[in-house]
N, C-alpha and C. Protein backbone atom coordinates (compact mmCIF):
# COMPACT_ATOMS: atom_id res chain seq x y z
N MET A 1 115.73 117.78 72.97
CA MET A 1 115.17 119.15 72.74
C MET A 1 114.94 119.27 71.22
N LEU A 2 113.81 119.95 70.91
CA LEU A 2 113.40 120.16 69.57
C LEU A 2 114.02 121.43 69.07
N LEU A 3 114.66 121.38 67.91
CA LEU A 3 115.20 122.54 67.30
C LEU A 3 114.27 123.02 66.19
N VAL A 4 113.92 124.29 66.22
CA VAL A 4 113.07 124.93 65.22
C VAL A 4 113.91 125.66 64.24
N SER A 5 113.76 125.39 62.98
CA SER A 5 114.59 126.02 61.96
C SER A 5 113.90 127.31 61.52
N HIS A 6 114.63 128.42 61.47
CA HIS A 6 114.27 129.71 60.93
C HIS A 6 115.18 130.02 59.78
N GLY A 7 114.83 129.57 58.64
CA GLY A 7 115.78 129.76 57.49
C GLY A 7 116.80 128.63 57.40
N ARG A 8 117.76 128.84 56.61
CA ARG A 8 118.77 127.71 56.43
C ARG A 8 119.88 127.76 57.43
N ARG A 9 120.18 128.83 58.05
CA ARG A 9 121.35 128.98 58.86
C ARG A 9 121.18 128.81 60.33
N SER A 10 119.97 129.13 60.90
CA SER A 10 119.89 129.09 62.31
C SER A 10 118.79 128.11 62.81
N GLN A 11 119.07 127.54 63.95
CA GLN A 11 118.09 126.70 64.56
C GLN A 11 117.98 127.19 66.03
N ILE A 12 116.74 127.37 66.44
CA ILE A 12 116.51 127.85 67.82
C ILE A 12 115.87 126.75 68.66
N PRO A 13 116.54 126.38 69.80
CA PRO A 13 115.94 125.36 70.65
C PRO A 13 114.74 125.88 71.29
N VAL A 14 113.70 124.96 71.34
CA VAL A 14 112.47 125.29 72.04
C VAL A 14 112.48 124.48 73.35
N PRO A 15 112.56 125.24 74.46
CA PRO A 15 112.59 124.55 75.79
C PRO A 15 111.35 123.75 76.11
N GLY A 16 111.53 122.63 76.74
CA GLY A 16 110.39 121.83 77.20
C GLY A 16 109.79 120.87 76.18
N ILE A 17 110.20 120.93 74.96
CA ILE A 17 109.60 120.02 73.90
C ILE A 17 110.79 119.12 73.61
N GLY A 18 110.43 117.79 73.75
CA GLY A 18 111.43 116.76 73.48
C GLY A 18 112.43 116.56 74.59
N VAL A 19 112.28 117.25 75.70
CA VAL A 19 113.23 117.04 76.77
C VAL A 19 112.77 115.98 77.71
N GLU A 20 113.67 114.97 77.97
CA GLU A 20 113.31 113.96 78.88
C GLU A 20 113.51 114.47 80.32
N THR A 21 112.55 114.21 81.16
CA THR A 21 112.63 114.71 82.53
C THR A 21 113.12 113.59 83.39
N ASP A 22 113.53 113.93 84.59
CA ASP A 22 113.98 112.89 85.58
C ASP A 22 112.89 111.88 85.84
N ALA A 23 111.61 112.35 85.94
CA ALA A 23 110.52 111.45 86.18
C ALA A 23 110.35 110.45 85.06
N HIS A 24 110.49 110.93 83.79
CA HIS A 24 110.41 110.02 82.68
C HIS A 24 111.54 109.01 82.67
N ASN A 25 112.77 109.44 83.02
CA ASN A 25 113.85 108.53 83.04
C ASN A 25 113.68 107.49 84.15
N THR A 26 113.13 107.91 85.31
CA THR A 26 112.86 107.03 86.40
C THR A 26 111.82 105.98 86.04
N LEU A 27 110.78 106.41 85.38
CA LEU A 27 109.76 105.47 84.96
C LEU A 27 110.34 104.47 83.90
N GLN A 28 111.08 104.97 82.99
CA GLN A 28 111.75 104.10 81.99
C GLN A 28 112.64 103.09 82.63
N ALA A 29 113.42 103.52 83.63
CA ALA A 29 114.29 102.57 84.35
C ALA A 29 113.46 101.53 85.04
N HIS A 30 112.30 101.93 85.64
CA HIS A 30 111.48 100.98 86.35
C HIS A 30 110.84 100.00 85.37
N ARG A 31 110.48 100.38 84.23
CA ARG A 31 109.96 99.48 83.26
C ARG A 31 111.05 98.45 82.78
N ASP A 32 112.22 98.93 82.71
CA ASP A 32 113.35 98.04 82.24
C ASP A 32 113.60 96.94 83.27
N GLU A 33 113.34 97.24 84.55
CA GLU A 33 113.66 96.31 85.64
C GLU A 33 112.48 95.31 85.95
N SER A 34 111.32 95.47 85.31
CA SER A 34 110.20 94.71 85.66
C SER A 34 110.45 93.24 85.33
N GLY A 35 111.15 92.91 84.28
CA GLY A 35 111.46 91.50 83.88
C GLY A 35 112.29 90.97 84.95
N ALA A 36 113.30 91.67 85.44
CA ALA A 36 114.24 91.15 86.50
C ALA A 36 113.48 90.94 87.76
N THR A 37 112.52 91.83 88.14
CA THR A 37 111.66 91.64 89.29
C THR A 37 110.87 90.33 89.22
N ALA A 38 110.24 90.15 88.11
CA ALA A 38 109.46 88.91 87.91
C ALA A 38 110.23 87.67 88.06
N ILE A 39 111.48 87.66 87.52
CA ILE A 39 112.36 86.52 87.71
C ILE A 39 112.71 86.33 89.17
N GLU A 40 113.01 87.39 89.88
CA GLU A 40 113.34 87.34 91.27
C GLU A 40 112.15 86.72 92.11
N TYR A 41 110.97 87.14 91.82
CA TYR A 41 109.78 86.68 92.50
C TYR A 41 109.61 85.18 92.23
N GLY A 42 109.85 84.78 90.97
CA GLY A 42 109.79 83.34 90.60
C GLY A 42 110.79 82.54 91.33
N LEU A 43 111.98 83.02 91.48
CA LEU A 43 113.04 82.28 92.22
C LEU A 43 112.71 82.21 93.69
N ILE A 44 112.14 83.23 94.29
CA ILE A 44 111.72 83.20 95.63
C ILE A 44 110.62 82.12 95.79
N ALA A 45 109.63 82.15 94.97
CA ALA A 45 108.52 81.17 95.02
C ALA A 45 109.04 79.78 94.90
N ALA A 46 109.96 79.51 94.03
CA ALA A 46 110.60 78.22 93.84
C ALA A 46 111.29 77.76 95.11
N LEU A 47 112.04 78.67 95.75
CA LEU A 47 112.77 78.35 96.95
C LEU A 47 111.78 78.00 98.09
N ILE A 48 110.74 78.78 98.17
CA ILE A 48 109.70 78.49 99.23
C ILE A 48 109.06 77.18 99.01
N SER A 49 108.84 76.83 97.75
CA SER A 49 108.24 75.49 97.39
C SER A 49 109.18 74.37 97.80
N VAL A 50 110.44 74.47 97.52
CA VAL A 50 111.42 73.43 97.84
C VAL A 50 111.50 73.25 99.33
N VAL A 51 111.51 74.35 100.07
CA VAL A 51 111.61 74.26 101.52
C VAL A 51 110.33 73.66 102.07
N THR A 52 109.21 74.06 101.53
CA THR A 52 107.88 73.49 102.04
C THR A 52 107.84 72.00 101.81
N ILE A 53 108.29 71.55 100.65
CA ILE A 53 108.16 70.11 100.30
C ILE A 53 109.15 69.36 101.13
N ALA A 54 110.31 69.88 101.40
CA ALA A 54 111.29 69.21 102.29
C ALA A 54 110.72 69.13 103.77
N ALA A 55 110.13 70.16 104.23
CA ALA A 55 109.55 70.11 105.54
C ALA A 55 108.36 69.16 105.64
N ILE A 56 107.52 69.14 104.65
CA ILE A 56 106.38 68.23 104.70
C ILE A 56 106.87 66.80 104.67
N THR A 57 107.87 66.55 103.80
CA THR A 57 108.38 65.18 103.71
C THR A 57 109.03 64.71 105.03
N ALA A 58 109.74 65.58 105.68
CA ALA A 58 110.37 65.24 106.97
C ALA A 58 109.27 64.95 108.01
N VAL A 59 108.32 65.85 108.08
CA VAL A 59 107.25 65.64 109.08
C VAL A 59 106.38 64.44 108.75
N GLY A 60 106.16 64.21 107.47
CA GLY A 60 105.40 63.04 107.03
C GLY A 60 106.06 61.70 107.40
N THR A 61 107.36 61.71 107.27
CA THR A 61 108.17 60.44 107.63
C THR A 61 108.12 60.25 109.15
N GLN A 62 108.25 61.27 109.92
CA GLN A 62 108.15 61.13 111.38
C GLN A 62 106.78 60.73 111.77
N LEU A 63 105.76 61.32 111.17
CA LEU A 63 104.36 61.03 111.50
C LEU A 63 104.06 59.58 111.17
N SER A 64 104.53 59.07 109.95
CA SER A 64 104.31 57.73 109.62
C SER A 64 104.90 56.77 110.63
N THR A 65 106.17 57.06 111.07
CA THR A 65 106.84 56.24 112.07
C THR A 65 106.00 56.19 113.36
N THR A 66 105.50 57.34 113.77
CA THR A 66 104.75 57.46 115.02
C THR A 66 103.49 56.55 114.92
N PHE A 67 102.76 56.66 113.77
CA PHE A 67 101.53 55.89 113.65
C PHE A 67 101.83 54.38 113.55
N ASN A 68 102.89 53.99 112.92
CA ASN A 68 103.31 52.55 112.86
C ASN A 68 103.62 52.08 114.23
N THR A 69 104.33 52.89 115.09
CA THR A 69 104.60 52.45 116.45
C THR A 69 103.34 52.29 117.25
N ILE A 70 102.38 53.21 117.17
CA ILE A 70 101.19 53.18 117.85
C ILE A 70 100.41 51.90 117.41
N SER A 71 100.32 51.70 116.12
CA SER A 71 99.64 50.55 115.62
C SER A 71 100.24 49.25 116.13
N THR A 72 101.53 49.14 116.12
CA THR A 72 102.19 47.98 116.62
C THR A 72 101.88 47.84 118.12
N ASP A 73 102.01 48.83 118.91
CA ASP A 73 101.73 48.80 120.34
C ASP A 73 100.22 48.39 120.65
N LEU A 74 99.36 48.88 119.85
CA LEU A 74 97.95 48.50 120.03
C LEU A 74 97.66 47.04 119.66
N SER A 75 98.28 46.63 118.61
CA SER A 75 98.16 45.22 118.24
C SER A 75 98.76 44.29 119.32
N THR A 76 99.86 44.64 119.85
CA THR A 76 100.52 43.89 120.93
C THR A 76 99.68 43.84 122.21
N ALA A 77 99.06 45.04 122.51
CA ALA A 77 98.22 45.13 123.73
C ALA A 77 96.97 44.28 123.57
N ASN A 78 96.43 44.18 122.41
CA ASN A 78 95.21 43.36 122.15
C ASN A 78 95.49 41.90 122.05
N GLY A 79 96.74 41.54 121.93
CA GLY A 79 97.17 40.13 121.84
C GLY A 79 97.02 39.63 120.40
N ASN A 80 96.90 40.47 119.44
CA ASN A 80 96.85 39.98 117.99
C ASN A 80 98.20 39.83 117.40
C-alpha cells in the first residue's frame, strides 16, 4: 500500500495503489512453478523414451529370432 505524506507527521494510506491482489499472487506463484513443470515434463519424456526403447529392443529380438527360424526352415525345405 502506498503511503502519501501530508507534512512531516502524518501519512495517509491510498487504497488500491501498491496493493497486491490475489490474482497477482496467483500469477506470481504460477511463474515460480514453471521451471518445476518443465523439469517434470522432461522426466516424463525421458521415462517414455526408456520404455519405448526397451519395448522395441524386446520386440526386435523376438522378430529377429522368428526370421532366423523361418530362414532356417526354408533353407532346410529347399535342401540347401
